[in-house]
C-alpha atoms as a PDB file:
ATOM      1  CA  MET A   1     -24.348   1.112  44.938  1.00  0.00           C
ATOM      2  CA  LYS A   2     -25.546  -1.765  42.782  1.00  0.00           C
ATOM      3  CA  SER A   3     -26.593   0.555  39.907  1.00  0.00           C
ATOM      4  CA  SER A   4     -23.084   2.094  39.941  1.00  0.00           C
ATOM      5  CA  PHE A   5     -21.555  -1.359  39.516  1.00  0.00           C
ATOM      6  CA  VAL A   6     -23.945  -2.165  36.648  1.00  0.00           C
ATOM      7  CA  ALA A   7     -23.188   1.170  34.973  1.00  0.00           C
ATOM      8  CA  ARG A   8     -19.448   0.534  35.163  1.00  0.00           C
ATOM      9  CA  ALA A   9     -19.892  -2.968  33.779  1.00  0.00           C
ATOM     10  CA  VAL A  10     -21.937  -1.632  30.842  1.00  0.00           C
ATOM     11  CA  LEU A  11     -19.325   1.072  30.131  1.00  0.00           C
ATOM     12  CA  LEU A  12     -16.553  -1.503  30.244  1.00  0.00           C
ATOM     13  CA  ALA A  13     -18.444  -3.779  27.835  1.00  0.00           C
ATOM     14  CA  LEU A  14     -19.054  -0.864  25.434  1.00  0.00           C
ATOM     15  CA  ALA A  15     -15.377   0.131  25.565  1.00  0.00           C
ATOM     16  CA  LEU A  16     -14.318  -3.434  24.783  1.00  0.00           C
ATOM     17  CA  LEU A  17     -16.744  -3.613  21.847  1.00  0.00           C
ATOM     18  CA  ALA A  18     -15.587  -0.249  20.455  1.00  0.00           C
ATOM     19  CA  GLY A  19     -11.944  -1.276  20.663  1.00  0.00           C
ATOM     20  CA  SER A  20     -12.543  -4.700  19.171  1.00  0.00           C
ATOM     21  CA  SER A  21     -13.179  -3.392  15.633  1.00  0.00           C
ATOM     22  CA  ALA A  22      -9.711  -1.790  15.547  1.00  0.00           C
ATOM     23  CA  ALA A  23      -8.258  -4.954  16.994  1.00  0.00           C
ATOM     24  CA  ARG A  24      -9.793  -6.978  14.179  1.00  0.00           C
ATOM     25  CA  ALA A  25      -7.752  -5.121  11.564  1.00  0.00           C
ATOM     26  CA  ASP A  26      -5.331  -7.559   9.990  1.00  0.00           C
ATOM     27  CA  GLU A  27      -2.427  -7.673   7.578  1.00  0.00           C
ATOM     28  CA  GLY A  28      -1.475  -9.539   4.419  1.00  0.00           C
ATOM     29  CA  ALA A  29       1.548 -10.085   2.175  1.00  0.00           C
ATOM     30  CA  VAL A  30       1.923  -8.100  -1.063  1.00  0.00           C
ATOM     31  CA  THR A  31       4.125  -8.500  -4.125  1.00  0.00           C
ATOM     32  CA  LEU A  32       4.077  -5.941  -6.929  1.00  0.00           C
ATOM     33  CA  ILE A  33       6.003  -5.729 -10.206  1.00  0.00           C
ATOM     34  CA  ILE A  34       5.891  -2.147 -11.505  1.00  0.00           C
ATOM     35  CA  PHE A  35       7.173  -0.870 -14.860  1.00  0.00           C
ATOM     36  CA  LYS A  36       7.874   2.878 -14.880  1.00  0.00           C
ATOM     37  CA  ALA A  37       8.985   5.173 -17.726  1.00  0.00           C
ATOM     38  CA  GLY A  38       8.981   8.877 -18.356  1.00  0.00           C
ATOM     39  CA  TRP A  39      10.420  12.048 -19.703  1.00  0.00           C
ATOM     40  CA  PHE A  40       9.209  14.844 -17.341  1.00  0.00           C
ATOM     41  CA  PHE A  41       5.810  13.146 -17.241  1.00  0.00           C
ATOM     42  CA  GLY A  42       5.878   9.484 -16.416  1.00  0.00           C
ATOM     43  CA  GLY A  43       3.648   6.553 -16.063  1.00  0.00           C
ATOM     44  CA  SER A  44       3.700   3.249 -14.298  1.00  0.00           C
ATOM     45  CA  ALA A  45       1.818  -0.006 -14.731  1.00  0.00           C
ATOM     46  CA  GLY A  46       2.087  -3.369 -13.109  1.00  0.00           C
ATOM     47  CA  THR A  47       0.588  -6.451 -11.552  1.00  0.00           C
ATOM     48  CA  GLY A  48       0.880  -8.243  -8.263  1.00  0.00           C
ATOM     49  CA  VAL A  49      -0.703 -10.465  -5.660  1.00  0.00           C
ATOM     50  CA  LEU A  50      -2.134 -10.084  -2.194  1.00  0.00           C
ATOM     51  CA  SER A  51      -2.102 -13.054   0.175  1.00  0.00           C
ATOM     52  CA  PHE A  52      -4.726 -12.565   2.894  1.00  0.00           C
ATOM     53  CA  HIS A  53      -6.342 -15.130   5.193  1.00  0.00           C
ATOM     54  CA  GLY A  54      -5.079 -18.066   3.113  1.00  0.00           C
ATOM     55  CA  GLN A  55      -6.402 -16.658  -0.181  1.00  0.00           C
ATOM     56  CA  THR A  56      -4.474 -15.154  -3.065  1.00  0.00           C
ATOM     57  CA  TYR A  57      -5.890 -12.148  -4.934  1.00  0.00           C
ATOM     58  CA  GLY A  58      -4.615 -10.638  -8.172  1.00  0.00           C
ATOM     59  CA  LEU A  59      -3.740  -6.944  -8.228  1.00  0.00           C
ATOM     60  CA  SER A  60      -3.436  -4.328 -10.948  1.00  0.00           C
ATOM     61  CA  ALA A  61      -1.432  -1.138 -10.400  1.00  0.00           C
ATOM     62  CA  GLY A  62      -0.939   1.966 -12.460  1.00  0.00           C
ATOM     63  CA  GLY A  63      -0.220   5.613 -12.019  1.00  0.00           C
ATOM     64  CA  LEU A  64       1.171   8.918 -13.204  1.00  0.00           C
ATOM     65  CA  ASP A  65       4.300  10.817 -12.228  1.00  0.00           C
ATOM     66  CA  TYR A  66       5.016  14.524 -12.631  1.00  0.00           C
ATOM     67  CA  GLY A  67       8.290  16.286 -11.958  1.00  0.00           C
ATOM     68  CA  LEU A  68      11.784  15.365 -12.943  1.00  0.00           C
ATOM     69  CA  VAL A  69      11.292  11.874 -14.388  1.00  0.00           C
ATOM     70  CA  PHE A  70      13.839  10.470 -16.820  1.00  0.00           C
ATOM     71  CA  GLY A  71      14.305   6.892 -17.984  1.00  0.00           C
ATOM     72  CA  GLY A  72      12.678   3.591 -17.389  1.00  0.00           C
ATOM     73  CA  SER A  73      12.781   0.866 -14.778  1.00  0.00           C
ATOM     74  CA  GLN A  74      11.236  -2.316 -13.482  1.00  0.00           C
ATOM     75  CA  THR A  75      10.750  -2.571  -9.752  1.00  0.00           C
ATOM     76  CA  THR A  76       9.850  -5.740  -7.856  1.00  0.00           C
ATOM     77  CA  LEU A  77       8.463  -4.911  -4.430  1.00  0.00           C
ATOM     78  CA  GLN A  78       7.512  -7.185  -1.572  1.00  0.00           C
ATOM     79  CA  GLY A  79       6.144  -6.408   1.846  1.00  0.00           C
ATOM     80  CA  ARG A  80       2.928  -6.196   3.728  1.00  0.00           C
ATOM     81  CA  ILE A  81      -0.364  -4.357   3.885  1.00  0.00           C
ATOM     82  CA  ARG A  82      -1.538  -3.510   7.384  1.00  0.00           C
ATOM     83  CA  ASN A  83      -4.757  -2.220   8.892  1.00  0.00           C
ATOM     84  CA  ILE A  84      -7.170  -4.027   6.555  1.00  0.00           C
ATOM     85  CA  HIS A  85     -10.361  -5.839   7.451  1.00  0.00           C
ATOM     86  CA  ARG A  86     -10.977  -7.472   4.050  1.00  0.00           C
ATOM     87  CA  ALA A  87      -8.993  -7.927   0.854  1.00  0.00           C
ATOM     88  CA  GLN A  88     -10.882  -5.082  -0.897  1.00  0.00           C
ATOM     89  CA  ASP A  89      -9.359  -2.555   1.543  1.00  0.00           C
ATOM     90  CA  ILE A  90      -6.100  -2.649  -0.440  1.00  0.00           C
ATOM     91  CA  ALA A  91      -7.849  -0.950  -3.364  1.00  0.00           C
ATOM     92  CA  GLY A  92      -7.432   2.808  -3.675  1.00  0.00           C
ATOM     93  CA  VAL A  93      -5.131   5.589  -4.733  1.00  0.00           C
ATOM     94  CA  TYR A  94      -1.822   5.925  -2.946  1.00  0.00           C
ATOM     95  CA  ALA A  95      -0.009   9.292  -3.287  1.00  0.00           C
ATOM     96  CA  ALA A  96       3.716   9.856  -2.753  1.00  0.00           C
ATOM     97  CA  ALA A  97       6.545  12.245  -3.288  1.00  0.00           C
ATOM     98  CA  GLY A  98       9.737  10.482  -4.219  1.00  0.00           C
ATOM     99  CA  ALA A  99      13.306  10.772  -5.287  1.00  0.00           C
ATOM    100  CA  GLY A 100      15.655   8.153  -6.576  1.00  0.00           C
ATOM    101  CA  VAL A 101      18.334   7.127  -8.995  1.00  0.00           C
ATOM    102  CA  ALA A 102      18.945   3.691 -10.481  1.00  0.00           C
ATOM    103  CA  PHE A 103      21.758   2.886 -12.868  1.00  0.00           C
ATOM    104  CA  GLY A 104      21.500  -0.841 -13.504  1.00  0.00           C
ATOM    105  CA  ALA A 105      20.324  -2.211 -10.157  1.00  0.00           C
ATOM    106  CA  GLY A 106      19.086  -0.268  -7.174  1.00  0.00           C
ATOM    107  CA  VAL A 107      17.086  -0.685  -3.979  1.00  0.00           C
ATOM    108  CA  ARG A 108      13.728   0.917  -3.274  1.00  0.00           C
ATOM    109  CA  GLY A 109      11.516   1.149  -0.201  1.00  0.00           C
ATOM    110  CA  ILE A 110       8.195   2.913   0.278  1.00  0.00           C
ATOM    111  CA  VAL A 111       5.398   3.320   2.836  1.00  0.00           C
ATOM    112  CA  LEU A 112       2.032   4.487   1.533  1.00  0.00           C
ATOM    113  CA  THR A 113      -1.502   4.932   2.911  1.00  0.00           C
ATOM    114  CA  ASN A 114      -4.782   4.870   1.016  1.00  0.00           C
ATOM    115  CA  PRO A 115      -8.171   6.449   1.917  1.00  0.00           C
ATOM    116  CA  ASN A 116      -9.303   3.174   3.492  1.00  0.00           C
ATOM    117  CA  GLY A 117      -6.553   3.499   6.111  1.00  0.00           C
ATOM    118  CA  ALA A 118      -4.546   0.627   4.673  1.00  0.00           C
ATOM    119  CA  ILE A 119      -0.774   0.988   5.212  1.00  0.00           C
ATOM    120  CA  LEU A 120       1.379  -0.480   2.462  1.00  0.00           C
ATOM    121  CA  GLU A 121       5.038  -1.149   3.390  1.00  0.00           C
ATOM    122  CA  LEU A 122       7.146  -2.387   0.478  1.00  0.00           C
ATOM    123  CA  SER A 123      10.785  -2.770  -0.463  1.00  0.00           C
ATOM    124  CA  GLY A 124      12.636  -4.395  -3.303  1.00  0.00           C
ATOM    125  CA  LYS A 125      14.913  -4.130  -6.278  1.00  0.00           C
ATOM    126  CA  GLN A 126      14.768  -1.651  -9.113  1.00  0.00           C
ATOM    127  CA  LEU A 127      16.411  -2.403 -12.478  1.00  0.00           C
ATOM    128  CA  GLY A 128      16.954   0.098 -15.246  1.00  0.00           C
ATOM    129  CA  LEU A 129      18.105   3.616 -15.869  1.00  0.00           C
ATOM    130  CA  MET A 130      15.922   6.025 -13.901  1.00  0.00           C
ATOM    131  CA  ALA A 131      16.300   9.391 -12.218  1.00  0.00           C
ATOM    132  CA  ASN A 132      13.294  10.913 -10.530  1.00  0.00           C
ATOM    133  CA  PHE A 133      12.304  13.715  -8.181  1.00  0.00           C
ATOM    134  CA  ASP A 134       8.568  13.712  -8.518  1.00  0.00           C
ATOM    135  CA  LEU A 135       5.027  13.518  -7.232  1.00  0.00           C
ATOM    136  CA  SER A 136       3.306  10.325  -8.087  1.00  0.00           C
ATOM    137  CA  GLY A 137       0.046   8.516  -7.613  1.00  0.00           C
ATOM    138  CA  LEU A 138      -0.409   4.763  -7.702  1.00  0.00           C
ATOM    139  CA  ALA A 139      -3.853   3.240  -8.026  1.00  0.00           C
ATOM    140  CA  ILE A 140      -4.188  -0.360  -6.910  1.00  0.00           C
ATOM    141  CA  THR A 141      -7.245  -2.412  -7.825  1.00  0.00           C
ATOM    142  CA  LEU A 142      -8.236  -5.920  -6.906  1.00  0.00           C
ATOM    143  CA  LYS A 143      -8.740  -8.113  -9.960  1.00  0.00           C
ATOM    144  CA  GLN A 144     -12.087  -9.868 -10.068  1.00  0.00           C
END
């Protein structure tokens, strides 16, 4: 009887420890300014910041677009990054399929995931003349 109690206590402790690593995942605030241009093939480049645990980290972003891409735009996105344990978890390649049109000012929102399991949720304003129906990849790196 006593060994059964000890076994259950050990299993409960192991379950709590296994679940605690997922519970330690955190989130941070992200701002990105992305410039995008293209004519069938497109490219994007930008900078931004990550605020995480009271620290601010510089970000670089860039990528390629393929599909129906016409025009150019500047997009300012703000939001959050979830499911990260450390600032470096934001780094990686985010893939997306997208469609949009901006004549002057427009609104944009996007949710992306990288191989580290980080979930990037952003929204903001897009300025320019841009029409796109494309596949794109956005690589985000942490500036050192």
